[in-house]
Amino acid sequence: MDRMNTPCGLDVALAVIGGKWKPLILFHVQSGPTRFSEIRRRVGGISEKVLIQQLRDLVEMKVLQRRDHHCVPPVVDYALTPFGETLVKALVPLCEWGTENREQVSAIMAPSASERNA
């Protein structure tokens, strides 16, 4: 079965934002044009190489717009496209769910004492 033609649109959404970093990148770009260095600072733990690839993917999917200001030193920023804005609106409830359930999920994911001592 073609994953893009399933009854659930999650497959379509995950084709665009799948992976660990893309939803976080979108969260940090939603406030307006954001420079590469600022995205990297806000999305802690991501390598430069991975961030570059994730941004390229999001630009290719027309979720983000890359704007080169053609100056020295180089200035490049990223902003949501109108299509990307619709995606971020869809992610807001998931963000709220994560905030509301952070403690419970942390407790579930925390290794028990017996697992730490193994």
PDB file of N, CA and C in Angstrom:
ATOM      1  N   MET A   1       0.846  -1.192   0.000  1.00  0.00           N
ATOM      2  CA  MET A   1       0.000   0.000   0.000  1.00  0.00           C
ATOM      3  C   MET A   1       0.884   1.245   0.000  1.00  0.00           C
ATOM      4  N   ASP A   2       0.522   2.206  -0.783  1.00  0.00           N
ATOM      5  CA  ASP A   2       1.241   3.475  -0.836  1.00  0.00           C
ATOM      6  C   ASP A   2       1.005   4.225   0.467  1.00  0.00           C
ATOM      7  N   ARG A   3       2.079   4.541   1.183  1.00  0.00           N
ATOM      8  CA  ARG A   3       1.953   5.209   2.487  1.00  0.00           C
ATOM      9  C   ARG A   3       1.315   6.578   2.388  1.00  0.00           C
ATOM     10  N   MET A   4       1.351   7.212   1.241  1.00  0.00           N
ATOM     11  CA  MET A   4       0.759   8.535   1.088  1.00  0.00           C
ATOM     12  C   MET A   4      -0.752   8.463   0.844  1.00  0.00           C
ATOM     13  N   ASN A   5      -1.289   7.252   0.668  1.00  0.00           N
ATOM     14  CA  ASN A   5      -2.714   7.106   0.379  1.00  0.00           C
ATOM     15  C   ASN A   5      -3.450   6.327   1.460  1.00  0.00           C
ATOM     16  N   THR A   6      -2.984   6.366   2.683  1.00  0.00           N
ATOM     17  CA  THR A   6      -3.674   5.691   3.765  1.00  0.00           C
ATOM     18  C   THR A   6      -4.808   6.579   4.265  1.00  0.00           C
ATOM     19  N   PRO A   7      -5.784   5.990   4.975  1.00  0.00           N
ATOM     20  CA  PRO A   7      -6.895   6.807   5.479  1.00  0.00           C
ATOM     21  C   PRO A   7      -6.458   7.851   6.509  1.00  0.00           C
ATOM     22  N   CYS A   8      -5.346   7.614   7.192  1.00  0.00           N
ATOM     23  CA  CYS A   8      -4.846   8.541   8.211  1.00  0.00           C
ATOM     24  C   CYS A   8      -3.794   9.454   7.594  1.00  0.00           C
ATOM     25  N   GLY A   9      -3.971  10.749   7.751  1.00  0.00           N
ATOM     26  CA  GLY A   9      -3.036  11.708   7.184  1.00  0.00           C
ATOM     27  C   GLY A   9      -1.717  11.813   7.920  1.00  0.00           C
ATOM     28  N   LEU A  10      -1.544  11.049   9.008  1.00  0.00           N
ATOM     29  CA  LEU A  10      -0.267  11.097   9.728  1.00  0.00           C
ATOM     30  C   LEU A  10       0.900  10.714   8.832  1.00  0.00           C
ATOM     31  N   ASP A  11       0.684   9.779   7.932  1.00  0.00           N
ATOM     32  CA  ASP A  11       1.768   9.392   7.029  1.00  0.00           C
ATOM     33  C   ASP A  11       2.224  10.575   6.183  1.00  0.00           C
ATOM     34  N   VAL A  12       1.286  11.382   5.748  1.00  0.00           N
ATOM     35  CA  VAL A  12       1.630  12.561   4.956  1.00  0.00           C
ATOM     36  C   VAL A  12       2.398  13.556   5.824  1.00  0.00           C
ATOM     37  N   ALA A  13       1.881  13.817   7.017  1.00  0.00           N
ATOM     38  CA  ALA A  13       2.547  14.766   7.915  1.00  0.00           C
ATOM     39  C   ALA A  13       3.947  14.287   8.275  1.00  0.00           C
ATOM     40  N   LEU A  14       4.081  12.998   8.577  1.00  0.00           N
ATOM     41  CA  LEU A  14       5.396  12.479   8.953  1.00  0.00           C
ATOM     42  C   LEU A  14       6.372  12.464   7.784  1.00  0.00           C
ATOM     43  N   ALA A  15       5.866  12.398   6.570  1.00  0.00           N
ATOM     44  CA  ALA A  15       6.744  12.491   5.401  1.00  0.00           C
ATOM     45  C   ALA A  15       7.400  13.865   5.344  1.00  0.00           C
ATOM     46  N   VAL A  16       6.717  14.869   5.883  1.00  0.00           N
ATOM     47  CA  VAL A  16       7.244  16.232   5.866  1.00  0.00           C
ATOM     48  C   VAL A  16       8.067  16.526   7.111  1.00  0.00           C
ATOM     49  N   ILE A  17       7.590  16.137   8.290  1.00  0.00           N
ATOM     50  CA  ILE A  17       8.256  16.517   9.538  1.00  0.00           C
ATOM     51  C   ILE A  17       8.880  15.356  10.279  1.00  0.00           C
ATOM     52  N   GLY A  18       8.961  14.195   9.648  1.00  0.00           N
ATOM     53  CA  GLY A  18       9.506  13.029  10.324  1.00  0.00           C
ATOM     54  C   GLY A  18      10.916  13.274  10.828  1.00  0.00           C
ATOM     55  N   GLY A  19      11.238  12.629  11.919  1.00  0.00           N
ATOM     56  CA  GLY A  19      12.563  12.769  12.506  1.00  0.00           C
ATOM     57  C   GLY A  19      12.522  13.538  13.806  1.00  0.00           C
ATOM     58  N   LYS A  20      13.649  13.584  14.435  1.00  0.00           N
ATOM     59  CA  LYS A  20      13.769  14.179  15.763  1.00  0.00           C
ATOM     60  C   LYS A  20      13.770  15.702  15.743  1.00  0.00           C
ATOM     61  N   TRP A  21      14.319  16.304  14.717  1.00  0.00           N
ATOM     62  CA  TRP A  21      14.624  17.735  14.761  1.00  0.00           C
ATOM     63  C   TRP A  21      13.647  18.656  14.063  1.00  0.00           C
ATOM     64  N   LYS A  22      12.985  18.204  13.021  1.00  0.00           N
ATOM     65  CA  LYS A  22      12.163  19.109  12.215  1.00  0.00           C
ATOM     66  C   LYS A  22      11.053  19.799  13.009  1.00  0.00           C
ATOM     67  N   PRO A  23      10.311  19.090  13.858  1.00  0.00           N
ATOM     68  CA  PRO A  23       9.288  19.806  14.635  1.00  0.00           C
ATOM     69  C   PRO A  23       9.887  20.880  15.547  1.00  0.00           C
ATOM     70  N   LEU A  24      11.057  20.603  16.127  1.00  0.00           N
ATOM     71  CA  LEU A  24      11.705  21.603  16.982  1.00  0.00           C
ATOM     72  C   LEU A  24      12.174  22.806  16.171  1.00  0.00           C
ATOM     73  N   ILE A  25      12.702  22.558  14.997  1.00  0.00           N
ATOM     74  CA  ILE A  25      13.123  23.651  14.117  1.00  0.00           C
ATOM     75  C   ILE A  25      11.920  24.528  13.794  1.00  0.00           C
ATOM     76  N   LEU A  26      10.815  23.909  13.428  1.00  0.00           N
ATOM     77  CA  LEU A  26       9.618  24.670  13.083  1.00  0.00           C
ATOM     78  C   LEU A  26       9.115  25.479  14.275  1.00  0.00           C
ATOM     79  N   PHE A  27       9.170  24.910  15.456  1.00  0.00           N
ATOM     80  CA  PHE A  27       8.749  25.634  16.655  1.00  0.00           C
ATOM     81  C   PHE A  27       9.579  26.904  16.833  1.00  0.00           C
ATOM     82  N   HIS A  28      10.878  26.799  16.617  1.00  0.00           N
ATOM     83  CA  HIS A  28      11.771  27.934  16.856  1.00  0.00           C
ATOM     84  C   HIS A  28      11.806  28.946  15.707  1.00  0.00           C
ATOM     85  N   VAL A  29      11.232  28.612  14.576  1.00  0.00           N
ATOM     86  CA  VAL A  29      11.202  29.541  13.438  1.00  0.00           C
ATOM     87  C   VAL A  29       9.839  30.232  13.329  1.00  0.00           C
ATOM     88  N   GLN A  30       8.866  29.763  14.078  1.00  0.00           N
ATOM     89  CA  GLN A  30       7.504  30.274  13.901  1.00  0.00           C
ATOM     90  C   GLN A  30       7.331  31.748  14.254  1.00  0.00           C
ATOM     91  N   SER A  31       8.257  32.323  15.010  1.00  0.00           N
ATOM     92  CA  SER A  31       8.103  33.726  15.415  1.00  0.00           C
ATOM     93  C   SER A  31       8.563  34.712  14.337  1.00  0.00           C
ATOM     94  N   GLY A  32       9.121  34.209  13.256  1.00  0.00           N
ATOM     95  CA  GLY A  32       9.556  35.091  12.174  1.00  0.00           C
ATOM     96  C   GLY A  32      10.902  34.662  11.635  1.00  0.00           C
ATOM     97  N   PRO A  33      11.432  35.395  10.651  1.00  0.00           N
ATOM     98  CA  PRO A  33      12.719  35.026  10.057  1.00  0.00           C
ATOM     99  C   PRO A  33      13.786  34.827  11.135  1.00  0.00           C
ATOM    100  N   THR A  34      14.481  33.698  11.024  1.00  0.00           N
ATOM    101  CA  THR A  34      15.451  33.319  12.040  1.00  0.00           C
ATOM    102  C   THR A  34      16.743  32.897  11.360  1.00  0.00           C
ATOM    103  N   ARG A  35      17.851  33.444  11.840  1.00  0.00           N
ATOM    104  CA  ARG A  35      19.156  33.116  11.259  1.00  0.00           C
ATOM    105  C   ARG A  35      19.588  31.724  11.665  1.00  0.00           C
ATOM    106  N   PHE A  36      20.424  31.125  10.818  1.00  0.00           N
ATOM    107  CA  PHE A  36      20.934  29.776  11.045  1.00  0.00           C
ATOM    108  C   PHE A  36      21.529  29.638  12.441  1.00  0.00           C
ATOM    109  N   SER A  37      22.381  30.574  12.821  1.00  0.00           N
ATOM    110  CA  SER A  37      23.061  30.479  14.120  1.00  0.00           C
ATOM    111  C   SER A  37      22.068  30.531  15.279  1.00  0.00           C
ATOM    112  N   GLU A  38      21.004  31.285  15.111  1.00  0.00           N
ATOM    113  CA  GLU A  38      19.981  31.375  16.154  1.00  0.00           C
ATOM    114  C   GLU A  38      19.190  30.071  16.254  1.00  0.00           C
ATOM    115  N   ILE A  39      18.882  29.463  15.117  1.00  0.00           N
ATOM    116  CA  ILE A  39      18.193  28.169  15.133  1.00  0.00           C
ATOM    117  C   ILE A  39      19.065  27.134  15.832  1.00  0.00           C
ATOM    118  N   ARG A  40      20.348  27.120  15.492  1.00  0.00           N
ATOM    119  CA  ARG A  40      21.256  26.140  16.093  1.00  0.00           C
ATOM    120  C   ARG A  40      21.341  26.343  17.603  1.00  0.00           C
ATOM    121  N   ARG A  41      21.374  27.589  18.052  1.00  0.00           N
ATOM    122  CA  ARG A  41      21.440  27.866  19.488  1.00  0.00           C
ATOM    123  C   ARG A  41      20.160  27.424  20.193  1.00  0.00           C
ATOM    124  N   ARG A  42      19.022  27.707  19.569  1.00  0.00           N
ATOM    125  CA  ARG A  42      17.733  27.374  20.185  1.00  0.00           C
ATOM    126  C   ARG A  42      17.474  25.876  20.218  1.00  0.00           C
ATOM    127  N   VAL A  43      17.878  25.172  19.156  1.00  0.00           N
ATOM    128  CA  VAL A  43      17.667  23.723  19.076  1.00  0.00           C
ATOM    129  C   VAL A  43      18.927  23.056  19.621  1.00  0.00           C
ATOM    130  N   GLY A  44      19.042  22.985  20.909  1.00  0.00           N
ATOM    131  CA  GLY A  44      20.240  22.436  21.538  1.00  0.00           C
ATOM    132  C   GLY A  44      20.477  20.984  21.166  1.00  0.00           C
ATOM    133  N   GLY A  45      21.742  20.631  20.985  1.00  0.00           N
ATOM    134  CA  GLY A  45      22.119  19.247  20.744  1.00  0.00           C
ATOM    135  C   GLY A  45      22.169  18.825  19.291  1.00  0.00           C
ATOM    136  N   ILE A  46      21.813  19.694  18.375  1.00  0.00           N
ATOM    137  CA  ILE A  46      21.836  19.336  16.958  1.00  0.00           C
ATOM    138  C   ILE A  46      23.183  19.746  16.364  1.00  0.00           C
ATOM    139  N   SER A  47      23.753  18.873  15.551  1.00  0.00           N
ATOM    140  CA  SER A  47      25.020  19.212  14.908  1.00  0.00           C
ATOM    141  C   SER A  47      24.747  20.144  13.724  1.00  0.00           C
ATOM    142  N   GLU A  48      25.771  20.866  13.335  1.00  0.00           N
ATOM    143  CA  GLU A  48      25.636  21.780  12.199  1.00  0.00           C
ATOM    144  C   GLU A  48      25.263  21.026  10.932  1.00  0.00           C
ATOM    145  N   LYS A  49      25.888  19.878  10.708  1.00  0.00           N
ATOM    146  CA  LYS A  49      25.624  19.075   9.519  1.00  0.00           C
ATOM    147  C   LYS A  49      24.163  18.635   9.460  1.00  0.00           C
ATOM    148  N   VAL A  50      23.651  18.149  10.582  1.00  0.00           N
ATOM    149  CA  VAL A  50      22.260  17.683  10.622  1.00  0.00           C
ATOM    150  C   VAL A  50      21.309  18.857  10.447  1.00  0.00           C
ATOM    151  N   LEU A  51      21.593  19.981  11.093  1.00  0.00           N
ATOM    152  CA  LEU A  51      20.734  21.151  10.960  1.00  0.00           C
ATOM    153  C   LEU A  51      20.679  21.614   9.506  1.00  0.00           C
ATOM    154  N   ILE A  52      21.812  21.668   8.842  1.00  0.00           N
ATOM    155  CA  ILE A  52      21.840  22.064   7.431  1.00  0.00           C
ATOM    156  C   ILE A  52      20.946  21.145   6.604  1.00  0.00           C
ATOM    157  N   GLN A  53      21.047  19.830   6.829  1.00  0.00           N
ATOM    158  CA  GLN A  53      20.248  18.880   6.050  1.00  0.00           C
ATOM    159  C   GLN A  53      18.762  19.013   6.359  1.00  0.00           C
ATOM    160  N   GLN A  54      18.420  19.178   7.630  1.00  0.00           N
ATOM    161  CA  GLN A  54      17.020  19.319   8.012  1.00  0.00           C
ATOM    162  C   GLN A  54      16.419  20.590   7.407  1.00  0.00           C
ATOM    163  N   LEU A  55      17.175  21.683   7.431  1.00  0.00           N
ATOM    164  CA  LEU A  55      16.703  22.931   6.830  1.00  0.00           C
ATOM    165  C   LEU A  55      16.522  22.772   5.327  1.00  0.00           C
ATOM    166  N   ARG A  56      17.472  22.099   4.676  1.00  0.00           N
ATOM    167  CA  ARG A  56      17.339  21.854   3.230  1.00  0.00           C
ATOM    168  C   ARG A  56      16.078  21.059   2.929  1.00  0.00           C
ATOM    169  N   ASP A  57      15.824  20.024   3.744  1.00  0.00           N
ATOM    170  CA  ASP A  57      14.626  19.204   3.546  1.00  0.00           C
ATOM    171  C   ASP A  57      13.358  20.045   3.679  1.00  0.00           C
ATOM    172  N   LEU A  58      13.308  20.888   4.700  1.00  0.00           N
ATOM    173  CA  LEU A  58      12.125  21.712   4.935  1.00  0.00           C
ATOM    174  C   LEU A  58      11.934  22.765   3.837  1.00  0.00           C
ATOM    175  N   VAL A  59      13.033  23.282   3.305  1.00  0.00           N
ATOM    176  CA  VAL A  59      12.951  24.220   2.177  1.00  0.00           C
ATOM    177  C   VAL A  59      12.453  23.472   0.938  1.00  0.00           C
ATOM    178  N   GLU A  60      12.996  22.284   0.709  1.00  0.00           N
ATOM    179  CA  GLU A  60      12.596  21.482  -0.448  1.00  0.00           C
ATOM    180  C   GLU A  60      11.105  21.121  -0.386  1.00  0.00           C
ATOM    181  N   MET A  61      10.592  20.877   0.814  1.00  0.00           N
ATOM    182  CA  MET A  61       9.174  20.539   0.993  1.00  0.00           C
ATOM    183  C   MET A  61       8.291  21.789   1.010  1.00  0.00           C
ATOM    184  N   LYS A  62       8.901  22.954   0.829  1.00  0.00           N
ATOM    185  CA  LYS A  62       8.200  24.245   0.778  1.00  0.00           C
ATOM    186  C   LYS A  62       7.522  24.605   2.101  1.00  0.00           C
ATOM    187  N   VAL A  63       8.123  24.123   3.195  1.00  0.00           N
ATOM    188  CA  VAL A  63       7.658  24.458   4.540  1.00  0.00           C
ATOM    189  C   VAL A  63       8.381  25.706   5.024  1.00  0.00           C
ATOM    190  N   LEU A  64       9.663  25.818   4.669  1.00  0.00           N
ATOM    191  CA  LEU A  64      10.469  26.984   5.010  1.00  0.00           C
ATOM    192  C   LEU A  64      10.927  27.681   3.739  1.00  0.00           C
ATOM    193  N   GLN A  65      11.189  28.959   3.884  1.00  0.00           N
ATOM    194  CA  GLN A  65      11.794  29.762   2.817  1.00  0.00           C
ATOM    195  C   GLN A  65      13.179  30.178   3.299  1.00  0.00           C
ATOM    196  N   ARG A  66      14.188  29.965   2.472  1.00  0.00           N
ATOM    197  CA  ARG A  66      15.554  30.378   2.783  1.00  0.00           C
ATOM    198  C   ARG A  66      15.808  31.697   2.059  1.00  0.00           C
ATOM    199  N   ARG A  67      16.286  32.673   2.827  1.00  0.00           N
ATOM    200  CA  ARG A  67      16.561  33.980   2.232  1.00  0.00           C
ATOM    201  C   ARG A  67      18.022  34.342   2.464  1.00  0.00           C
ATOM    202  N   ASP A  68      18.742  34.509   1.366  1.00  0.00           N
ATOM    203  CA  ASP A  68      20.150  34.914   1.403  1.00  0.00           C
ATOM    204  C   ASP A  68      20.183  36.421   1.175  1.00  0.00           C
ATOM    205  N   HIS A  69      20.772  37.158   2.102  1.00  0.00           N
ATOM    206  CA  HIS A  69      20.782  38.614   2.017  1.00  0.00           C
ATOM    207  C   HIS A  69      21.925  39.157   1.151  1.00  0.00           C
ATOM    208  N   HIS A  70      22.757  38.271   0.606  1.00  0.00           N
ATOM    209  CA  HIS A  70      23.843  38.636  -0.313  1.00  0.00           C
ATOM    210  C   HIS A  70      24.700  39.776   0.242  1.00  0.00           C
ATOM    211  N   CYS A  71      25.266  39.542   1.406  1.00  0.00           N
ATOM    212  CA  CYS A  71      26.147  40.543   1.990  1.00  0.00           C
ATOM    213  C   CYS A  71      27.347  39.845   2.624  1.00  0.00           C
ATOM    214  N   VAL A  72      28.300  40.639   3.055  1.00  0.00           N
ATOM    215  CA  VAL A  72      29.490  40.125   3.730  1.00  0.00           C
ATOM    216  C   VAL A  72      29.516  40.755   5.116  1.00  0.00           C
ATOM    217  N   PRO A  73      29.599  39.948   6.170  1.00  0.00           N
ATOM    218  CA  PRO A  73      29.585  38.482   6.174  1.00  0.00           C
ATOM    219  C   PRO A  73      28.217  37.945   5.738  1.00  0.00           C
ATOM    220  N   PRO A  74      28.208  36.684   5.293  1.00  0.00           N
ATOM    221  CA  PRO A  74      26.960  36.103   4.794  1.00  0.00           C
ATOM    222  C   PRO A  74      25.855  36.115   5.858  1.00  0.00           C
ATOM    223  N   VAL A  75      24.677  36.497   5.426  1.00  0.00           N
ATOM    224  CA  VAL A  75      23.506  36.477   6.291  1.00  0.00           C
ATOM    225  C   VAL A  75      22.416  35.692   5.571  1.00  0.00           C
ATOM    226  N   VAL A  76      21.973  34.622   6.217  1.00  0.00           N
ATOM    227  CA  VAL A  76      20.910  33.779   5.689  1.00  0.00           C
ATOM    228  C   VAL A  76      19.899  33.595   6.798  1.00  0.00           C
ATOM    229  N   ASP A  77      18.619  33.702   6.459  1.00  0.00           N
ATOM    230  CA  ASP A  77      17.611  33.392   7.466  1.00  0.00           C
ATOM    231  C   ASP A  77      16.541  32.484   6.859  1.00  0.00           C
ATOM    232  N   TYR A  78      15.748  31.919   7.748  1.00  0.00           N
ATOM    233  CA  TYR A  78      14.697  30.987   7.372  1.00  0.00           C
ATOM    234  C   TYR A  78      13.394  31.467   7.976  1.00  0.00           C
ATOM    235  N   ALA A  79      12.326  31.343   7.203  1.00  0.00           N
ATOM    236  CA  ALA A  79      10.996  31.735   7.672  1.00  0.00           C
ATOM    237  C   ALA A  79       9.983  30.719   7.162  1.00  0.00           C
ATOM    238  N   LEU A  80       8.878  30.618   7.870  1.00  0.00           N
ATOM    239  CA  LEU A  80       7.805  29.742   7.440  1.00  0.00           C
ATOM    240  C   LEU A  80       7.163  30.277   6.167  1.00  0.00           C
ATOM    241  N   THR A  81       6.818  29.381   5.280  1.00  0.00           N
ATOM    242  CA  THR A  81       5.977  29.724   4.139  1.00  0.00           C
ATOM    243  C   THR A  81       4.522  29.669   4.627  1.00  0.00           C
ATOM    244  N   PRO A  82       3.576  30.151   3.840  1.00  0.00           N
ATOM    245  CA  PRO A  82       2.172  29.976   4.234  1.00  0.00           C
ATOM    246  C   PRO A  82       1.817  28.497   4.464  1.00  0.00           C
ATOM    247  N   PHE A  83       2.356  27.613   3.633  1.00  0.00           N
ATOM    248  CA  PHE A  83       2.163  26.165   3.802  1.00  0.00           C
ATOM    249  C   PHE A  83       2.749  25.712   5.137  1.00  0.00           C
ATOM    250  N   GLY A  84       3.944  26.206   5.472  1.00  0.00           N
ATOM    251  CA  GLY A  84       4.579  25.862   6.742  1.00  0.00           C
ATOM    252  C   GLY A  84       3.791  26.365   7.939  1.00  0.00           C
ATOM    253  N   GLU A  85       3.160  27.527   7.791  1.00  0.00           N
ATOM    254  CA  GLU A  85       2.340  28.061   8.884  1.00  0.00           C
ATOM    255  C   GLU A  85       1.178  27.131   9.200  1.00  0.00           C
ATOM    256  N   THR A  86       0.594  26.506   8.169  1.00  0.00           N
ATOM    257  CA  THR A  86      -0.496  25.564   8.423  1.00  0.00           C
ATOM    258  C   THR A  86       0.015  24.339   9.167  1.00  0.00           C
ATOM    259  N   LEU A  87       1.237  23.929   8.873  1.00  0.00           N
ATOM    260  CA  LEU A  87       1.824  22.785   9.562  1.00  0.00           C
ATOM    261  C   LEU A  87       2.105  23.108  11.022  1.00  0.00           C
ATOM    262  N   VAL A  88       2.627  24.286  11.284  1.00  0.00           N
ATOM    263  CA  VAL A  88       2.909  24.680  12.673  1.00  0.00           C
ATOM    264  C   VAL A  88       1.613  24.746  13.478  1.00  0.00           C
ATOM    265  N   LYS A  89       0.537  25.247  12.867  1.00  0.00           N
ATOM    266  CA  LYS A  89      -0.756  25.275  13.564  1.00  0.00           C
ATOM    267  C   LYS A  89      -1.194  23.870  13.954  1.00  0.00           C
ATOM    268  N   ALA A  90      -0.895  22.899  13.102  1.00  0.00           N
ATOM    269  CA  ALA A  90      -1.248  21.508  13.403  1.00  0.00           C
ATOM    270  C   ALA A  90      -0.374  20.934  14.519  1.00  0.00           C
ATOM    271  N   LEU A  91       0.846  21.443  14.660  1.00  0.00           N
ATOM    272  CA  LEU A  91       1.758  20.937  15.690  1.00  0.00           C
ATOM    273  C   LEU A  91       1.479  21.527  17.070  1.00  0.00           C
ATOM    274  N   VAL A  92       0.798  22.668  17.136  1.00  0.00           N
ATOM    275  CA  VAL A  92       0.546  23.339  18.417  1.00  0.00           C
ATOM    276  C   VAL A  92      -0.151  22.413  19.418  1.00  0.00           C
ATOM    277  N   PRO A  93      -1.218  21.683  19.054  1.00  0.00           N
ATOM    278  CA  PRO A  93      -1.835  20.786  20.037  1.00  0.00           C
ATOM    279  C   PRO A  93      -0.882  19.702  20.543  1.00  0.00           C
ATOM    280  N   LEU A  94      -0.013  19.217  19.682  1.00  0.00           N
ATOM    281  CA  LEU A  94       0.963  18.217  20.110  1.00  0.00           C
ATOM    282  C   LEU A  94       1.955  18.820  21.097  1.00  0.00           C
ATOM    283  N   CYS A  95       2.364  20.045  20.851  1.00  0.00           N
ATOM    284  CA  CYS A  95       3.244  20.761  21.769  1.00  0.00           C
ATOM    285  C   CYS A  95       2.556  20.936  23.129  1.00  0.00           C
ATOM    286  N   GLU A  96       1.290  21.333  23.108  1.00  0.00           N
ATOM    287  CA  GLU A  96       0.542  21.512  24.351  1.00  0.00           C
ATOM    288  C   GLU A  96       0.399  20.198  25.100  1.00  0.00           C
ATOM    289  N   TRP A  97       0.142  19.105  24.377  1.00  0.00           N
ATOM    290  CA  TRP A  97       0.040  17.788  24.998  1.00  0.00           C
ATOM    291  C   TRP A  97       1.349  17.429  25.692  1.00  0.00           C
ATOM    292  N   GLY A  98       2.464  17.668  25.020  1.00  0.00           N
ATOM    293  CA  GLY A  98       3.769  17.367  25.606  1.00  0.00           C
ATOM    294  C   GLY A  98       4.039  18.183  26.850  1.00  0.00           C
ATOM    295  N   THR A  99       3.666  19.450  26.828  1.00  0.00           N
ATOM    296  CA  THR A  99       3.851  20.307  27.999  1.00  0.00           C
ATOM    297  C   THR A  99       3.005  19.813  29.163  1.00  0.00           C
ATOM    298  N   GLU A 100       1.749  19.476  28.891  1.00  0.00           N
ATOM    299  CA  GLU A 100       0.844  19.010  29.937  1.00  0.00           C
ATOM    300  C   GLU A 100       1.262  17.663  30.522  1.00  0.00           C
ATOM    301  N   ASN A 101       1.909  16.833  29.738  1.00  0.00           N
ATOM    302  CA  ASN A 101       2.240  15.471  30.171  1.00  0.00           C
ATOM    303  C   ASN A 101       3.730  15.243  30.383  1.00  0.00           C
ATOM    304  N   ARG A 102       4.500  16.303  30.445  1.00  0.00           N
ATOM    305  CA  ARG A 102       5.959  16.196  30.582  1.00  0.00           C
ATOM    306  C   ARG A 102       6.367  15.344  31.783  1.00  0.00           C
ATOM    307  N   GLU A 103       5.798  15.631  32.943  1.00  0.00           N
ATOM    308  CA  GLU A 103       6.194  14.900  34.159  1.00  0.00           C
ATOM    309  C   GLU A 103       5.850  13.421  34.064  1.00  0.00           C
ATOM    310  N   GLN A 104       4.664  13.108  33.585  1.00  0.00           N
ATOM    311  CA  GLN A 104       4.254  11.709  33.480  1.00  0.00           C
ATOM    312  C   GLN A 104       5.149  10.947  32.506  1.00  0.00           C
ATOM    313  N   VAL A 105       5.435  11.539  31.370  1.00  0.00           N
ATOM    314  CA  VAL A 105       6.290  10.878  30.381  1.00  0.00           C
ATOM    315  C   VAL A 105       7.705  10.730  30.920  1.00  0.00           C
ATOM    316  N   SER A 106       8.213  11.758  31.606  1.00  0.00           N
ATOM    317  CA  SER A 106       9.555  11.670  32.200  1.00  0.00           C
ATOM    318  C   SER A 106       9.625  10.532  33.206  1.00  0.00           C
ATOM    319  N   ALA A 107       8.582  10.387  34.013  1.00  0.00           N
ATOM    320  CA  ALA A 107       8.554   9.313  35.012  1.00  0.00           C
ATOM    321  C   ALA A 107       8.516   7.942  34.337  1.00  0.00           C
ATOM    322  N   ILE A 108       7.762   7.831  33.264  1.00  0.00           N
ATOM    323  CA  ILE A 108       7.668   6.553  32.548  1.00  0.00           C
ATOM    324  C   ILE A 108       9.005   6.204  31.906  1.00  0.00           C
ATOM    325  N   MET A 109       9.678   7.202  31.369  1.00  0.00           N
ATOM    326  CA  MET A 109      10.927   6.961  30.642  1.00  0.00           C
ATOM    327  C   MET A 109      12.147   6.858  31.545  1.00  0.00           C
ATOM    328  N   ALA A 110      12.029   7.304  32.800  1.00  0.00           N
ATOM    329  CA  ALA A 110      13.161   7.241  33.722  1.00  0.00           C
ATOM    330  C   ALA A 110      13.471   5.783  34.048  1.00  0.00           C
ATOM    331  N   PRO A 111      14.742   5.398  33.981  1.00  0.00           N
ATOM    332  CA  PRO A 111      15.080   3.996  34.317  1.00  0.00           C
ATOM    333  C   PRO A 111      14.850   3.756  35.802  1.00  0.00           C
ATOM    334  N   SER A 112      14.335   2.582  36.093  1.00  0.00           N
ATOM    335  CA  SER A 112      14.127   2.226  37.499  1.00  0.00           C
ATOM    336  C   SER A 112      15.467   1.976  38.163  1.00  0.00           C
ATOM    337  N   ALA A 113      15.477   1.926  39.498  1.00  0.00           N
ATOM    338  CA  ALA A 113      16.720   1.699  40.251  1.00  0.00           C
ATOM    339  C   ALA A 113      17.364   0.386  39.867  1.00  0.00           C
ATOM    340  N   SER A 114      16.553  -0.650  39.655  1.00  0.00           N
ATOM    341  CA  SER A 114      17.104  -1.962  39.288  1.00  0.00           C
ATOM    342  C   SER A 114      17.765  -1.915  37.897  1.00  0.00           C
ATOM    343  N   GLU A 115      17.202  -1.135  36.968  1.00  0.00           N
ATOM    344  CA  GLU A 115      17.804  -1.017  35.647  1.00  0.00           C
ATOM    345  C   GLU A 115      19.100  -0.238  35.693  1.00  0.00           C
ATOM    346  N   ARG A 116      19.181   0.789  36.570  1.00  0.00           N
ATOM    347  CA  ARG A 116      20.404   1.580  36.673  1.00  0.00           C
ATOM    348  C   ARG A 116      21.546   0.754  37.249  1.00  0.00           C
ATOM    349  N   ASN A 117      21.228  -0.188  38.132  1.00  0.00           N
ATOM    350  CA  ASN A 117      22.253  -0.992  38.786  1.00  0.00           C
ATOM    351  C   ASN A 117      22.628  -2.233  37.984  1.00  0.00           C
ATOM    352  N   ALA A 118      21.962  -2.478  36.893  1.00  0.00           N
ATOM    353  CA  ALA A 118      22.223  -3.689  36.094  1.00  0.00           C
ATOM    354  C   ALA A 118      23.488  -3.549  35.297  1.00  0.00           C
TER     355      ALA A 118
END
